N, C-alpha and C. Protein backbone atom coordinates (compact mmCIF):
# COMPACT_ATOMS: atom_id res chain seq x y z
N MET A 1 14.96 24.22 -12.28
CA MET A 1 14.48 23.37 -13.34
C MET A 1 12.97 23.52 -13.46
N MET A 2 12.52 23.70 -14.67
CA MET A 2 11.10 23.89 -14.93
C MET A 2 10.47 22.57 -15.39
N ILE A 3 9.35 22.22 -14.80
CA ILE A 3 8.63 21.01 -15.20
C ILE A 3 7.45 21.40 -16.07
N SER A 4 7.37 20.81 -17.23
CA SER A 4 6.28 21.15 -18.15
C SER A 4 4.97 20.52 -17.70
N ARG A 5 3.88 21.03 -18.22
CA ARG A 5 2.56 20.49 -17.93
C ARG A 5 2.48 19.02 -18.36
N LYS A 6 3.10 18.70 -19.51
CA LYS A 6 3.11 17.33 -19.99
C LYS A 6 3.81 16.41 -19.00
N ASP A 7 4.96 16.85 -18.47
CA ASP A 7 5.70 16.06 -17.49
C ASP A 7 4.88 15.88 -16.21
N LYS A 8 4.20 16.93 -15.77
CA LYS A 8 3.36 16.83 -14.58
C LYS A 8 2.23 15.82 -14.80
N ASN A 9 1.61 15.86 -15.97
CA ASN A 9 0.53 14.93 -16.28
C ASN A 9 1.03 13.49 -16.33
N GLN A 10 2.22 13.29 -16.91
CA GLN A 10 2.77 11.94 -16.97
C GLN A 10 3.08 11.42 -15.57
N THR A 11 3.61 12.29 -14.71
CA THR A 11 3.90 11.90 -13.34
C THR A 11 2.61 11.54 -12.62
N MET A 12 1.56 12.33 -12.81
CA MET A 12 0.28 12.07 -12.18
C MET A 12 -0.30 10.75 -12.70
N ASP A 13 -0.21 10.52 -13.99
CA ASP A 13 -0.71 9.28 -14.57
C ASP A 13 0.03 8.07 -13.98
N GLN A 14 1.33 8.20 -13.79
CA GLN A 14 2.11 7.11 -13.20
C GLN A 14 1.67 6.85 -11.77
N GLN A 15 1.39 7.91 -11.02
CA GLN A 15 0.93 7.76 -9.65
C GLN A 15 -0.43 7.06 -9.61
N VAL A 16 -1.32 7.44 -10.50
CA VAL A 16 -2.65 6.82 -10.56
C VAL A 16 -2.52 5.34 -10.87
N LEU A 17 -1.69 4.99 -11.83
CA LEU A 17 -1.50 3.58 -12.18
C LEU A 17 -0.91 2.80 -11.01
N GLU A 18 0.00 3.40 -10.29
CA GLU A 18 0.61 2.75 -9.12
C GLU A 18 -0.44 2.52 -8.04
N ILE A 19 -1.29 3.49 -7.80
CA ILE A 19 -2.35 3.34 -6.79
C ILE A 19 -3.33 2.26 -7.21
N ARG A 20 -3.74 2.26 -8.48
CA ARG A 20 -4.64 1.21 -8.97
C ARG A 20 -4.03 -0.17 -8.77
N SER A 21 -2.74 -0.29 -9.05
CA SER A 21 -2.05 -1.56 -8.90
C SER A 21 -2.01 -2.00 -7.44
N ARG A 22 -1.72 -1.08 -6.54
CA ARG A 22 -1.68 -1.40 -5.11
C ARG A 22 -3.05 -1.82 -4.59
N ILE A 23 -4.09 -1.11 -5.01
CA ILE A 23 -5.45 -1.47 -4.60
C ILE A 23 -5.81 -2.85 -5.15
N GLY A 24 -5.52 -3.08 -6.41
CA GLY A 24 -5.82 -4.37 -7.03
C GLY A 24 -5.11 -5.52 -6.35
N ASN A 25 -3.84 -5.33 -6.04
CA ASN A 25 -3.07 -6.38 -5.34
C ASN A 25 -3.66 -6.66 -3.97
N SER A 26 -4.06 -5.61 -3.27
CA SER A 26 -4.65 -5.78 -1.95
C SER A 26 -5.97 -6.54 -2.03
N ILE A 27 -6.80 -6.20 -3.00
CA ILE A 27 -8.07 -6.90 -3.17
C ILE A 27 -7.83 -8.37 -3.49
N ARG A 28 -6.88 -8.65 -4.38
CA ARG A 28 -6.55 -10.04 -4.72
C ARG A 28 -6.12 -10.81 -3.46
N GLU A 29 -5.26 -10.21 -2.64
CA GLU A 29 -4.79 -10.86 -1.42
C GLU A 29 -5.95 -11.16 -0.48
N HIS A 30 -6.86 -10.22 -0.30
CA HIS A 30 -8.02 -10.42 0.57
C HIS A 30 -8.93 -11.51 0.00
N ARG A 31 -9.14 -11.49 -1.30
CA ARG A 31 -10.00 -12.51 -1.93
C ARG A 31 -9.41 -13.90 -1.74
N GLU A 32 -8.11 -14.03 -1.97
CA GLU A 32 -7.45 -15.33 -1.83
C GLU A 32 -7.47 -15.81 -0.38
N ARG A 33 -7.29 -14.89 0.58
CA ARG A 33 -7.35 -15.25 2.00
C ARG A 33 -8.72 -15.80 2.37
N LYS A 34 -9.76 -15.23 1.76
CA LYS A 34 -11.13 -15.68 2.01
C LYS A 34 -11.44 -16.99 1.28
N GLY A 35 -10.58 -17.37 0.34
CA GLY A 35 -10.77 -18.61 -0.39
C GLY A 35 -11.75 -18.51 -1.56
N TYR A 36 -12.01 -17.30 -2.01
CA TYR A 36 -12.92 -17.10 -3.15
C TYR A 36 -12.16 -17.11 -4.47
N SER A 37 -12.76 -17.70 -5.48
CA SER A 37 -12.27 -17.51 -6.84
C SER A 37 -12.83 -16.16 -7.31
N GLN A 38 -12.31 -15.68 -8.42
CA GLN A 38 -12.86 -14.45 -8.98
C GLN A 38 -14.34 -14.65 -9.34
N GLU A 39 -14.66 -15.81 -9.87
CA GLU A 39 -16.04 -16.10 -10.26
C GLU A 39 -16.98 -16.10 -9.05
N GLN A 40 -16.56 -16.72 -7.96
CA GLN A 40 -17.38 -16.76 -6.76
C GLN A 40 -17.63 -15.35 -6.21
N LEU A 41 -16.57 -14.56 -6.17
CA LEU A 41 -16.71 -13.19 -5.66
C LEU A 41 -17.59 -12.36 -6.59
N ALA A 42 -17.44 -12.56 -7.88
CA ALA A 42 -18.26 -11.83 -8.85
C ALA A 42 -19.74 -12.10 -8.62
N ILE A 43 -20.08 -13.35 -8.35
CA ILE A 43 -21.48 -13.71 -8.10
C ILE A 43 -21.97 -13.02 -6.82
N LEU A 44 -21.16 -13.06 -5.76
CA LEU A 44 -21.55 -12.40 -4.50
C LEU A 44 -21.77 -10.90 -4.68
N MET A 45 -20.92 -10.28 -5.49
CA MET A 45 -20.97 -8.83 -5.66
C MET A 45 -21.88 -8.39 -6.80
N ASN A 46 -22.36 -9.35 -7.57
CA ASN A 46 -23.22 -9.05 -8.72
C ASN A 46 -22.50 -8.17 -9.75
N ILE A 47 -21.24 -8.55 -10.02
CA ILE A 47 -20.47 -7.90 -11.09
C ILE A 47 -19.81 -9.01 -11.91
N SER A 48 -19.22 -8.66 -13.03
CA SER A 48 -18.62 -9.68 -13.88
C SER A 48 -17.24 -10.10 -13.35
N ARG A 49 -16.87 -11.33 -13.64
CA ARG A 49 -15.56 -11.84 -13.28
C ARG A 49 -14.47 -11.02 -13.96
N SER A 50 -14.74 -10.61 -15.20
CA SER A 50 -13.73 -9.84 -15.93
C SER A 50 -13.48 -8.47 -15.27
N THR A 51 -14.50 -7.89 -14.65
CA THR A 51 -14.31 -6.63 -13.93
C THR A 51 -13.39 -6.85 -12.74
N ILE A 52 -13.60 -7.95 -12.01
CA ILE A 52 -12.72 -8.25 -10.88
C ILE A 52 -11.29 -8.45 -11.37
N SER A 53 -11.13 -9.16 -12.46
CA SER A 53 -9.79 -9.37 -13.02
C SER A 53 -9.13 -8.05 -13.38
N LYS A 54 -9.87 -7.17 -14.03
CA LYS A 54 -9.31 -5.86 -14.41
C LYS A 54 -8.92 -5.05 -13.18
N ILE A 55 -9.76 -5.08 -12.15
CA ILE A 55 -9.46 -4.35 -10.91
C ILE A 55 -8.20 -4.91 -10.27
N GLU A 56 -8.13 -6.23 -10.15
CA GLU A 56 -6.97 -6.86 -9.51
C GLU A 56 -5.67 -6.61 -10.28
N ASN A 57 -5.78 -6.43 -11.57
CA ASN A 57 -4.60 -6.18 -12.39
C ASN A 57 -4.30 -4.69 -12.59
N GLY A 58 -5.08 -3.83 -11.94
CA GLY A 58 -4.85 -2.38 -12.03
C GLY A 58 -5.29 -1.77 -13.33
N ASN A 59 -6.17 -2.45 -14.06
CA ASN A 59 -6.60 -1.98 -15.38
C ASN A 59 -8.03 -1.44 -15.37
N PHE A 60 -8.49 -0.96 -14.22
CA PHE A 60 -9.87 -0.50 -14.10
C PHE A 60 -9.89 0.69 -13.16
N ASN A 61 -10.61 1.72 -13.54
CA ASN A 61 -10.74 2.90 -12.70
C ASN A 61 -11.81 2.60 -11.65
N ILE A 62 -11.38 2.03 -10.55
CA ILE A 62 -12.30 1.55 -9.52
C ILE A 62 -12.97 2.72 -8.78
N SER A 63 -14.25 2.57 -8.56
CA SER A 63 -15.01 3.61 -7.86
C SER A 63 -15.11 3.30 -6.38
N ILE A 64 -15.48 4.28 -5.60
CA ILE A 64 -15.68 4.08 -4.17
C ILE A 64 -16.81 3.07 -3.94
N ASP A 65 -17.77 3.01 -4.86
CA ASP A 65 -18.86 2.03 -4.72
C ASP A 65 -18.31 0.61 -4.78
N TYR A 66 -17.42 0.35 -5.74
CA TYR A 66 -16.82 -0.98 -5.83
C TYR A 66 -15.93 -1.26 -4.62
N ILE A 67 -15.16 -0.28 -4.20
CA ILE A 67 -14.30 -0.48 -3.04
C ILE A 67 -15.15 -0.83 -1.82
N SER A 68 -16.29 -0.17 -1.66
CA SER A 68 -17.20 -0.47 -0.55
C SER A 68 -17.74 -1.89 -0.64
N LYS A 69 -18.09 -2.33 -1.85
CA LYS A 69 -18.58 -3.70 -2.03
C LYS A 69 -17.49 -4.72 -1.68
N PHE A 70 -16.28 -4.48 -2.16
CA PHE A 70 -15.18 -5.38 -1.83
C PHE A 70 -14.97 -5.43 -0.33
N SER A 71 -15.00 -4.27 0.32
CA SER A 71 -14.82 -4.19 1.76
C SER A 71 -15.86 -5.03 2.49
N LYS A 72 -17.09 -4.92 2.07
CA LYS A 72 -18.18 -5.67 2.70
C LYS A 72 -17.99 -7.17 2.52
N HIS A 73 -17.72 -7.61 1.31
CA HIS A 73 -17.66 -9.04 1.01
C HIS A 73 -16.34 -9.70 1.41
N LEU A 74 -15.28 -8.91 1.51
CA LEU A 74 -13.99 -9.49 1.87
C LEU A 74 -13.58 -9.18 3.31
N GLY A 75 -14.37 -8.35 3.97
CA GLY A 75 -14.15 -8.09 5.39
C GLY A 75 -12.94 -7.23 5.73
N PHE A 76 -12.73 -6.17 4.97
CA PHE A 76 -11.65 -5.26 5.34
C PHE A 76 -12.19 -3.85 5.48
N LYS A 77 -11.45 -3.02 6.20
CA LYS A 77 -11.84 -1.64 6.41
C LYS A 77 -11.13 -0.75 5.40
N ILE A 78 -11.79 0.33 5.06
CA ILE A 78 -11.22 1.32 4.14
C ILE A 78 -10.59 2.41 4.99
N LYS A 79 -9.32 2.70 4.70
CA LYS A 79 -8.60 3.72 5.45
C LYS A 79 -7.92 4.66 4.47
N ILE A 80 -8.14 5.95 4.66
CA ILE A 80 -7.50 6.95 3.82
C ILE A 80 -6.53 7.74 4.70
N GLU A 81 -5.31 7.83 4.23
CA GLU A 81 -4.30 8.56 5.00
C GLU A 81 -3.86 9.78 4.26
């Protein structure tokens, strides 16, 4: 069976969206465990509340810089497997 370039791209896009969603859910869980609202965390991180909302909902292409900031303020380690 031959997979077209379009099918490969769609599969990759689905994987990216799944990863964004998993990262966002994890950040939300850490934020809630710390007892921060999105607004409180936004102030600590010097970013907008809407950016945090987009990240938590998987609707933002999060950078390593943001992941590092979340790690610092929410107290978790970054692990790549």
